[in-house]
Amino acid sequence: MQPNQFSLETAQRLAEKLNMPLEHIMHTPPHVIMAKIAELEKKQENTANEK
């Protein structure tokens, strides 16, 4: 399996935002990363709506 084609900067931001090691970001399938991002955004949206 080929690593994701993210730039280093993008991979670092994703790793920080998703609280995942950089190595996992580079080798996790893109659809899984997108699902995690959607889940994180949904949590943030729910938190913002509660305030």
PDB file of N, CA and C in Angstrom:
ATOM      1  N   MET A   1       0.847  -1.183   0.000  1.00  0.00           N
ATOM      2  CA  MET A   1       0.000   0.000   0.000  1.00  0.00           C
ATOM      3  C   MET A   1       0.888   1.240   0.000  1.00  0.00           C
ATOM      4  N   GLN A   2       0.576   2.156  -0.872  1.00  0.00           N
ATOM      5  CA  GLN A   2       1.350   3.381  -1.004  1.00  0.00           C
ATOM      6  C   GLN A   2       0.911   4.400   0.058  1.00  0.00           C
ATOM      7  N   PRO A   3       1.857   5.136   0.646  1.00  0.00           N
ATOM      8  CA  PRO A   3       1.483   6.176   1.614  1.00  0.00           C
ATOM      9  C   PRO A   3       0.600   7.244   0.973  1.00  0.00           C
ATOM     10  N   ASN A   4      -0.164   7.935   1.803  1.00  0.00           N
ATOM     11  CA  ASN A   4      -1.010   9.027   1.312  1.00  0.00           C
ATOM     12  C   ASN A   4      -0.159  10.112   0.680  1.00  0.00           C
ATOM     13  N   GLN A   5      -0.745  10.857  -0.225  1.00  0.00           N
ATOM     14  CA  GLN A   5      -0.030  11.900  -0.948  1.00  0.00           C
ATOM     15  C   GLN A   5      -0.255  13.274  -0.312  1.00  0.00           C
ATOM     16  N   PHE A   6      -0.260  13.332   1.013  1.00  0.00           N
ATOM     17  CA  PHE A   6      -0.387  14.592   1.731  1.00  0.00           C
ATOM     18  C   PHE A   6       0.968  15.277   1.779  1.00  0.00           C
ATOM     19  N   SER A   7       0.958  16.603   1.798  1.00  0.00           N
ATOM     20  CA  SER A   7       2.207  17.312   2.042  1.00  0.00           C
ATOM     21  C   SER A   7       2.551  17.126   3.521  1.00  0.00           C
ATOM     22  N   LEU A   8       3.780  17.370   3.869  1.00  0.00           N
ATOM     23  CA  LEU A   8       4.205  17.216   5.251  1.00  0.00           C
ATOM     24  C   LEU A   8       3.408  18.139   6.168  1.00  0.00           C
ATOM     25  N   GLU A   9       3.203  19.362   5.725  1.00  0.00           N
ATOM     26  CA  GLU A   9       2.460  20.336   6.534  1.00  0.00           C
ATOM     27  C   GLU A   9       1.023  19.866   6.776  1.00  0.00           C
ATOM     28  N   THR A  10       0.383  19.365   5.737  1.00  0.00           N
ATOM     29  CA  THR A  10      -0.992  18.879   5.868  1.00  0.00           C
ATOM     30  C   THR A  10      -1.045  17.670   6.799  1.00  0.00           C
ATOM     31  N   ALA A  11      -0.114  16.761   6.636  1.00  0.00           N
ATOM     32  CA  ALA A  11      -0.072  15.573   7.488  1.00  0.00           C
ATOM     33  C   ALA A  11       0.145  15.964   8.949  1.00  0.00           C
ATOM     34  N   GLN A  12       1.002  16.940   9.200  1.00  0.00           N
ATOM     35  CA  GLN A  12       1.248  17.378  10.572  1.00  0.00           C
ATOM     36  C   GLN A  12       0.003  18.008  11.184  1.00  0.00           C
ATOM     37  N   ARG A  13      -0.709  18.815  10.402  1.00  0.00           N
ATOM     38  CA  ARG A  13      -1.946  19.438  10.896  1.00  0.00           C
ATOM     39  C   ARG A  13      -3.003  18.383  11.194  1.00  0.00           C
ATOM     40  N   LEU A  14      -3.138  17.406  10.301  1.00  0.00           N
ATOM     41  CA  LEU A  14      -4.108  16.338  10.534  1.00  0.00           C
ATOM     42  C   LEU A  14      -3.747  15.527  11.774  1.00  0.00           C
ATOM     43  N   ALA A  15      -2.474  15.217  11.930  1.00  0.00           N
ATOM     44  CA  ALA A  15      -2.023  14.451  13.089  1.00  0.00           C
ATOM     45  C   ALA A  15      -2.344  15.192  14.384  1.00  0.00           C
ATOM     46  N   GLU A  16      -2.118  16.494  14.379  1.00  0.00           N
ATOM     47  CA  GLU A  16      -2.400  17.305  15.564  1.00  0.00           C
ATOM     48  C   GLU A  16      -3.902  17.380  15.829  1.00  0.00           C
ATOM     49  N   LYS A  17      -4.664  17.630  14.785  1.00  0.00           N
ATOM     50  CA  LYS A  17      -6.108  17.803  14.929  1.00  0.00           C
ATOM     51  C   LYS A  17      -6.803  16.503  15.333  1.00  0.00           C
ATOM     52  N   LEU A  18      -6.367  15.387  14.744  1.00  0.00           N
ATOM     53  CA  LEU A  18      -6.992  14.099  15.022  1.00  0.00           C
ATOM     54  C   LEU A  18      -6.343  13.357  16.179  1.00  0.00           C
ATOM     55  N   ASN A  19      -5.296  13.946  16.740  1.00  0.00           N
ATOM     56  CA  ASN A  19      -4.578  13.339  17.861  1.00  0.00           C
ATOM     57  C   ASN A  19      -4.093  11.936  17.488  1.00  0.00           C
ATOM     58  N   MET A  20      -3.441  11.857  16.335  1.00  0.00           N
ATOM     59  CA  MET A  20      -2.897  10.604  15.830  1.00  0.00           C
ATOM     60  C   MET A  20      -1.417  10.815  15.505  1.00  0.00           C
ATOM     61  N   PRO A  21      -0.608   9.773  15.646  1.00  0.00           N
ATOM     62  CA  PRO A  21       0.799   9.899  15.230  1.00  0.00           C
ATOM     63  C   PRO A  21       0.903  10.156  13.728  1.00  0.00           C
ATOM     64  N   LEU A  22       1.902  10.889  13.339  1.00  0.00           N
ATOM     65  CA  LEU A  22       2.112  11.244  11.940  1.00  0.00           C
ATOM     66  C   LEU A  22       2.208   9.988  11.054  1.00  0.00           C
ATOM     67  N   GLU A  23       2.848   8.951  11.555  1.00  0.00           N
ATOM     68  CA  GLU A  23       2.999   7.714  10.793  1.00  0.00           C
ATOM     69  C   GLU A  23       1.635   7.093  10.485  1.00  0.00           C
ATOM     70  N   HIS A  24       0.707   7.189  11.430  1.00  0.00           N
ATOM     71  CA  HIS A  24      -0.629   6.638  11.207  1.00  0.00           C
ATOM     72  C   HIS A  24      -1.370   7.445  10.149  1.00  0.00           C
ATOM     73  N   ILE A  25      -1.201   8.757  10.174  1.00  0.00           N
ATOM     74  CA  ILE A  25      -1.851   9.610   9.185  1.00  0.00           C
ATOM     75  C   ILE A  25      -1.393   9.225   7.778  1.00  0.00           C
ATOM     76  N   MET A  26      -0.112   8.986   7.631  1.00  0.00           N
ATOM     77  CA  MET A  26       0.435   8.701   6.305  1.00  0.00           C
ATOM     78  C   MET A  26      -0.003   7.334   5.771  1.00  0.00           C
ATOM     79  N   HIS A  27      -0.372   6.397   6.659  1.00  0.00           N
ATOM     80  CA  HIS A  27      -0.697   5.045   6.204  1.00  0.00           C
ATOM     81  C   HIS A  27      -2.156   4.659   6.425  1.00  0.00           C
ATOM     82  N   THR A  28      -2.960   5.568   6.947  1.00  0.00           N
ATOM     83  CA  THR A  28      -4.386   5.305   7.111  1.00  0.00           C
ATOM     84  C   THR A  28      -5.082   5.608   5.788  1.00  0.00           C
ATOM     85  N   PRO A  29      -5.987   4.745   5.351  1.00  0.00           N
ATOM     86  CA  PRO A  29      -6.689   5.018   4.093  1.00  0.00           C
ATOM     87  C   PRO A  29      -7.411   6.367   4.142  1.00  0.00           C
ATOM     88  N   PRO A  30      -7.420   7.080   3.037  1.00  0.00           N
ATOM     89  CA  PRO A  30      -8.025   8.418   3.006  1.00  0.00           C
ATOM     90  C   PRO A  30      -9.492   8.452   3.456  1.00  0.00           C
ATOM     91  N   HIS A  31     -10.264   7.416   3.132  1.00  0.00           N
ATOM     92  CA  HIS A  31     -11.670   7.430   3.536  1.00  0.00           C
ATOM     93  C   HIS A  31     -11.824   7.344   5.052  1.00  0.00           C
ATOM     94  N   VAL A  32     -10.886   6.698   5.727  1.00  0.00           N
ATOM     95  CA  VAL A  32     -10.929   6.616   7.183  1.00  0.00           C
ATOM     96  C   VAL A  32     -10.580   7.981   7.788  1.00  0.00           C
ATOM     97  N   ILE A  33      -9.598   8.644   7.223  1.00  0.00           N
ATOM     98  CA  ILE A  33      -9.218   9.981   7.700  1.00  0.00           C
ATOM     99  C   ILE A  33     -10.385  10.948   7.514  1.00  0.00           C
ATOM    100  N   MET A  34     -11.031  10.880   6.358  1.00  0.00           N
ATOM    101  CA  MET A  34     -12.178  11.762   6.111  1.00  0.00           C
ATOM    102  C   MET A  34     -13.304  11.485   7.098  1.00  0.00           C
ATOM    103  N   ALA A  35     -13.531  10.228   7.444  1.00  0.00           N
ATOM    104  CA  ALA A  35     -14.567   9.883   8.419  1.00  0.00           C
ATOM    105  C   ALA A  35     -14.213  10.441   9.792  1.00  0.00           C
ATOM    106  N   LYS A  36     -12.940  10.365  10.172  1.00  0.00           N
ATOM    107  CA  LYS A  36     -12.510  10.900  11.462  1.00  0.00           C
ATOM    108  C   LYS A  36     -12.655  12.423  11.505  1.00  0.00           C
ATOM    109  N   ILE A  37     -12.348  13.086  10.397  1.00  0.00           N
ATOM    110  CA  ILE A  37     -12.503  14.537  10.330  1.00  0.00           C
ATOM    111  C   ILE A  37     -13.978  14.914  10.459  1.00  0.00           C
ATOM    112  N   ALA A  38     -14.845  14.181   9.759  1.00  0.00           N
ATOM    113  CA  ALA A  38     -16.285  14.452   9.834  1.00  0.00           C
ATOM    114  C   ALA A  38     -16.795  14.246  11.258  1.00  0.00           C
ATOM    115  N   GLU A  39     -16.322  13.203  11.917  1.00  0.00           N
ATOM    116  CA  GLU A  39     -16.722  12.927  13.301  1.00  0.00           C
ATOM    117  C   GLU A  39     -16.267  14.051  14.224  1.00  0.00           C
ATOM    118  N   LEU A  40     -15.047  14.525  14.048  1.00  0.00           N
ATOM    119  CA  LEU A  40     -14.518  15.610  14.860  1.00  0.00           C
ATOM    120  C   LEU A  40     -15.309  16.897  14.634  1.00  0.00           C
ATOM    121  N   GLU A  41     -15.629  17.201  13.384  1.00  0.00           N
ATOM    122  CA  GLU A  41     -16.408  18.402  13.084  1.00  0.00           C
ATOM    123  C   GLU A  41     -17.803  18.324  13.687  1.00  0.00           C
ATOM    124  N   LYS A  42     -18.402  17.131  13.665  1.00  0.00           N
ATOM    125  CA  LYS A  42     -19.729  16.952  14.243  1.00  0.00           C
ATOM    126  C   LYS A  42     -19.686  17.194  15.754  1.00  0.00           C
ATOM    127  N   LYS A  43     -18.635  16.700  16.412  1.00  0.00           N
ATOM    128  CA  LYS A  43     -18.477  16.930  17.861  1.00  0.00           C
ATOM    129  C   LYS A  43     -18.319  18.417  18.153  1.00  0.00           C
ATOM    130  N   GLN A  44     -17.516  19.101  17.351  1.00  0.00           N
ATOM    131  CA  GLN A  44     -17.300  20.532  17.556  1.00  0.00           C
ATOM    132  C   GLN A  44     -18.584  21.310  17.305  1.00  0.00           C
ATOM    133  N   GLU A  45     -19.348  20.903  16.315  1.00  0.00           N
ATOM    134  CA  GLU A  45     -20.615  21.569  16.015  1.00  0.00           C
ATOM    135  C   GLU A  45     -21.610  21.380  17.162  1.00  0.00           C
ATOM    136  N   ASN A  46     -21.663  20.185  17.708  1.00  0.00           N
ATOM    137  CA  ASN A  46     -22.550  19.910  18.837  1.00  0.00           C
ATOM    138  C   ASN A  46     -22.146  20.722  20.068  1.00  0.00           C
ATOM    139  N   THR A  47     -20.849  20.851  20.288  1.00  0.00           N
ATOM    140  CA  THR A  47     -20.352  21.627  21.415  1.00  0.00           C
ATOM    141  C   THR A  47     -20.703  23.102  21.233  1.00  0.00           C
ATOM    142  N   ALA A  48     -20.570  23.600  20.017  1.00  0.00           N
ATOM    143  CA  ALA A  48     -20.882  25.004  19.740  1.00  0.00           C
ATOM    144  C   ALA A  48     -22.385  25.258  19.900  1.00  0.00           C
ATOM    145  N   ASN A  49     -23.215  24.305  19.523  1.00  0.00           N
ATOM    146  CA  ASN A  49     -24.663  24.466  19.647  1.00  0.00           C
ATOM    147  C   ASN A  49     -25.122  24.437  21.090  1.00  0.00           C
ATOM    148  N   GLU A  50     -24.386  23.736  21.954  1.00  0.00           N
ATOM    149  CA  GLU A  50     -24.749  23.646  23.371  1.00  0.00           C
ATOM    150  C   GLU A  50     -24.471  24.951  24.097  1.00  0.00           C
ATOM    151  N   LYS A  51     -23.545  25.731  23.590  1.00  0.00           N
ATOM    152  CA  LYS A  51     -23.173  26.987  24.261  1.00  0.00           C
ATOM    153  C   LYS A  51     -24.150  28.031  23.958  1.00  0.00           C
TER     154      LYS A  51
END
